[in-house]
Amino acid sequence: MNHSELKEKALENKKVLDAYDALEPEFSLLHEILRARQSAGLSQAEIAERMGTKAPAVTRLESSLSSGKHSPSLSTLKKYADALNCHLEIKLVANS
């Protein structure tokens, strides 16, 4: 069984689907920050230097978004955005 088949099968379970859906904001943010870093052509070490921290801190930040175990502070996300010469936007969107 490949990854896609396993995912499809797992998501048939309502509890798994609910947990998966609950992580959507974190995965969306992770996708955005990784895309922005890649577009800027910067490594985690370069981002860390610009943020005034060490590379493992950036690794933890990026991995925390994929694990859902820790939510980075707005201040940290703003520093990350600034390191990419970007700004952070947060919006509330009504559920459809």
C-alpha atoms as a PDB file:
ATOM      1  CA  MET A   1       0.000   0.000   0.000  1.00  0.00           C
ATOM      2  CA  ASN A   2       1.438   3.390  -0.954  1.00  0.00           C
ATOM      3  CA  HIS A   3       1.084   6.655   0.983  1.00  0.00           C
ATOM      4  CA  SER A   4      -1.935   7.920  -0.986  1.00  0.00           C
ATOM      5  CA  GLU A   5      -3.820   4.667  -0.487  1.00  0.00           C
ATOM      6  CA  LEU A   6      -2.994   4.597   3.219  1.00  0.00           C
ATOM      7  CA  LYS A   7      -4.116   8.212   3.628  1.00  0.00           C
ATOM      8  CA  GLU A   8      -7.369   7.562   1.762  1.00  0.00           C
ATOM      9  CA  LYS A   9      -8.100   4.517   3.902  1.00  0.00           C
ATOM     10  CA  ALA A  10      -7.256   6.323   7.152  1.00  0.00           C
ATOM     11  CA  LEU A  11      -9.456   9.293   6.268  1.00  0.00           C
ATOM     12  CA  GLU A  12     -12.461   6.994   5.973  1.00  0.00           C
ATOM     13  CA  ASN A  13     -12.413   6.910   9.783  1.00  0.00           C
ATOM     14  CA  LYS A  14     -14.418   9.922  11.083  1.00  0.00           C
ATOM     15  CA  LYS A  15     -12.109  10.509  14.077  1.00  0.00           C
ATOM     16  CA  VAL A  16      -9.037  10.482  11.852  1.00  0.00           C
ATOM     17  CA  LEU A  17     -10.738  12.806   9.348  1.00  0.00           C
ATOM     18  CA  ASP A  18     -11.726  15.236  12.124  1.00  0.00           C
ATOM     19  CA  ALA A  19      -8.170  15.278  13.505  1.00  0.00           C
ATOM     20  CA  TYR A  20      -6.749  15.734   9.997  1.00  0.00           C
ATOM     21  CA  ASP A  21      -9.126  18.623   9.264  1.00  0.00           C
ATOM     22  CA  ALA A  22      -8.290  20.273  12.592  1.00  0.00           C
ATOM     23  CA  LEU A  23      -4.627  20.520  11.524  1.00  0.00           C
ATOM     24  CA  GLU A  24      -5.427  22.340   8.271  1.00  0.00           C
ATOM     25  CA  PRO A  25      -4.475  25.837   9.532  1.00  0.00           C
ATOM     26  CA  GLU A  26      -1.059  24.625  10.713  1.00  0.00           C
ATOM     27  CA  PHE A  27      -0.355  22.774   7.474  1.00  0.00           C
ATOM     28  CA  SER A  28      -1.488  25.757   5.440  1.00  0.00           C
ATOM     29  CA  LEU A  29       0.863  28.058   7.363  1.00  0.00           C
ATOM     30  CA  LEU A  30       3.703  25.543   7.065  1.00  0.00           C
ATOM     31  CA  HIS A  31       3.181  25.380   3.303  1.00  0.00           C
ATOM     32  CA  GLU A  32       3.253  29.185   3.099  1.00  0.00           C
ATOM     33  CA  ILE A  33       6.430  29.648   5.118  1.00  0.00           C
ATOM     34  CA  LEU A  34       8.278  26.859   3.314  1.00  0.00           C
ATOM     35  CA  ARG A  35       7.188  28.260  -0.055  1.00  0.00           C
ATOM     36  CA  ALA A  36       8.326  31.754   0.958  1.00  0.00           C
ATOM     37  CA  ARG A  37      11.699  30.490   2.209  1.00  0.00           C
ATOM     38  CA  GLN A  38      12.230  28.476  -0.962  1.00  0.00           C
ATOM     39  CA  SER A  39      11.234  31.431  -3.152  1.00  0.00           C
ATOM     40  CA  ALA A  40      13.714  33.607  -1.276  1.00  0.00           C
ATOM     41  CA  GLY A  41      16.386  30.948  -1.813  1.00  0.00           C
ATOM     42  CA  LEU A  42      17.272  30.896   1.884  1.00  0.00           C
ATOM     43  CA  SER A  43      18.306  28.017   4.117  1.00  0.00           C
ATOM     44  CA  GLN A  44      17.082  27.532   7.662  1.00  0.00           C
ATOM     45  CA  ALA A  45      20.498  28.720   8.859  1.00  0.00           C
ATOM     46  CA  GLU A  46      20.192  31.935   6.860  1.00  0.00           C
ATOM     47  CA  ILE A  47      16.684  32.569   8.212  1.00  0.00           C
ATOM     48  CA  ALA A  48      17.956  31.902  11.737  1.00  0.00           C
ATOM     49  CA  GLU A  49      20.796  34.392  11.310  1.00  0.00           C
ATOM     50  CA  ARG A  50      18.364  37.051  10.105  1.00  0.00           C
ATOM     51  CA  MET A  51      16.055  36.279  13.050  1.00  0.00           C
ATOM     52  CA  GLY A  52      18.935  36.491  15.530  1.00  0.00           C
ATOM     53  CA  THR A  53      18.630  32.866  16.553  1.00  0.00           C
ATOM     54  CA  LYS A  54      20.195  29.497  15.697  1.00  0.00           C
ATOM     55  CA  ALA A  55      19.224  27.099  12.892  1.00  0.00           C
ATOM     56  CA  PRO A  56      17.763  24.445  15.252  1.00  0.00           C
ATOM     57  CA  ALA A  57      15.204  27.032  16.420  1.00  0.00           C
ATOM     58  CA  VAL A  58      14.019  27.490  12.826  1.00  0.00           C
ATOM     59  CA  THR A  59      13.935  23.727  12.349  1.00  0.00           C
ATOM     60  CA  ARG A  60      11.780  23.422  15.494  1.00  0.00           C
ATOM     61  CA  LEU A  61       9.505  26.218  14.274  1.00  0.00           C
ATOM     62  CA  GLU A  62       8.936  24.575  10.905  1.00  0.00           C
ATOM     63  CA  SER A  63       8.525  21.091  12.365  1.00  0.00           C
ATOM     64  CA  SER A  64       6.165  22.300  15.111  1.00  0.00           C
ATOM     65  CA  LEU A  65       3.705  23.372  12.440  1.00  0.00           C
ATOM     66  CA  SER A  66       3.671  19.914  10.887  1.00  0.00           C
ATOM     67  CA  SER A  67       3.313  18.094  14.201  1.00  0.00           C
ATOM     68  CA  GLY A  68       0.596  20.270  15.693  1.00  0.00           C
ATOM     69  CA  LYS A  69       2.292  19.847  19.085  1.00  0.00           C
ATOM     70  CA  HIS A  70       3.264  23.482  19.544  1.00  0.00           C
ATOM     71  CA  SER A  71       1.948  26.719  18.136  1.00  0.00           C
ATOM     72  CA  PRO A  72       4.609  29.365  17.569  1.00  0.00           C
ATOM     73  CA  SER A  73       3.922  32.826  18.933  1.00  0.00           C
ATOM     74  CA  LEU A  74       2.847  35.669  16.681  1.00  0.00           C
ATOM     75  CA  SER A  75       6.097  37.403  17.588  1.00  0.00           C
ATOM     76  CA  THR A  76       8.127  34.442  16.310  1.00  0.00           C
ATOM     77  CA  LEU A  77       6.088  34.217  13.112  1.00  0.00           C
ATOM     78  CA  LYS A  78       6.566  37.958  12.571  1.00  0.00           C
ATOM     79  CA  LYS A  79      10.355  37.591  12.995  1.00  0.00           C
ATOM     80  CA  TYR A  80      10.314  34.723  10.480  1.00  0.00           C
ATOM     81  CA  ALA A  81       8.322  36.840   8.026  1.00  0.00           C
ATOM     82  CA  ASP A  82      10.654  39.808   8.539  1.00  0.00           C
ATOM     83  CA  ALA A  83      13.650  37.540   7.858  1.00  0.00           C
ATOM     84  CA  LEU A  84      12.052  36.769   4.497  1.00  0.00           C
ATOM     85  CA  ASN A  85      11.375  40.461   3.838  1.00  0.00           C
ATOM     86  CA  CYS A  86       7.660  39.672   4.098  1.00  0.00           C
ATOM     87  CA  HIS A  87       4.913  40.778   6.437  1.00  0.00           C
ATOM     88  CA  LEU A  88       2.556  38.584   8.412  1.00  0.00           C
ATOM     89  CA  GLU A  89      -1.169  38.797   7.714  1.00  0.00           C
ATOM     90  CA  ILE A  90      -3.738  37.217   9.981  1.00  0.00           C
ATOM     91  CA  LYS A  91      -7.390  37.254   9.050  1.00  0.00           C
ATOM     92  CA  LEU A  92     -10.630  35.799  10.241  1.00  0.00           C
ATOM     93  CA  VAL A  93     -12.707  34.199   7.524  1.00  0.00           C
ATOM     94  CA  ALA A  94     -16.336  33.253   8.066  1.00  0.00           C
ATOM     95  CA  ASN A  95     -17.104  29.551   7.778  1.00  0.00           C
ATOM     96  CA  SER A  96     -19.082  28.743   4.681  1.00  0.00           C
END
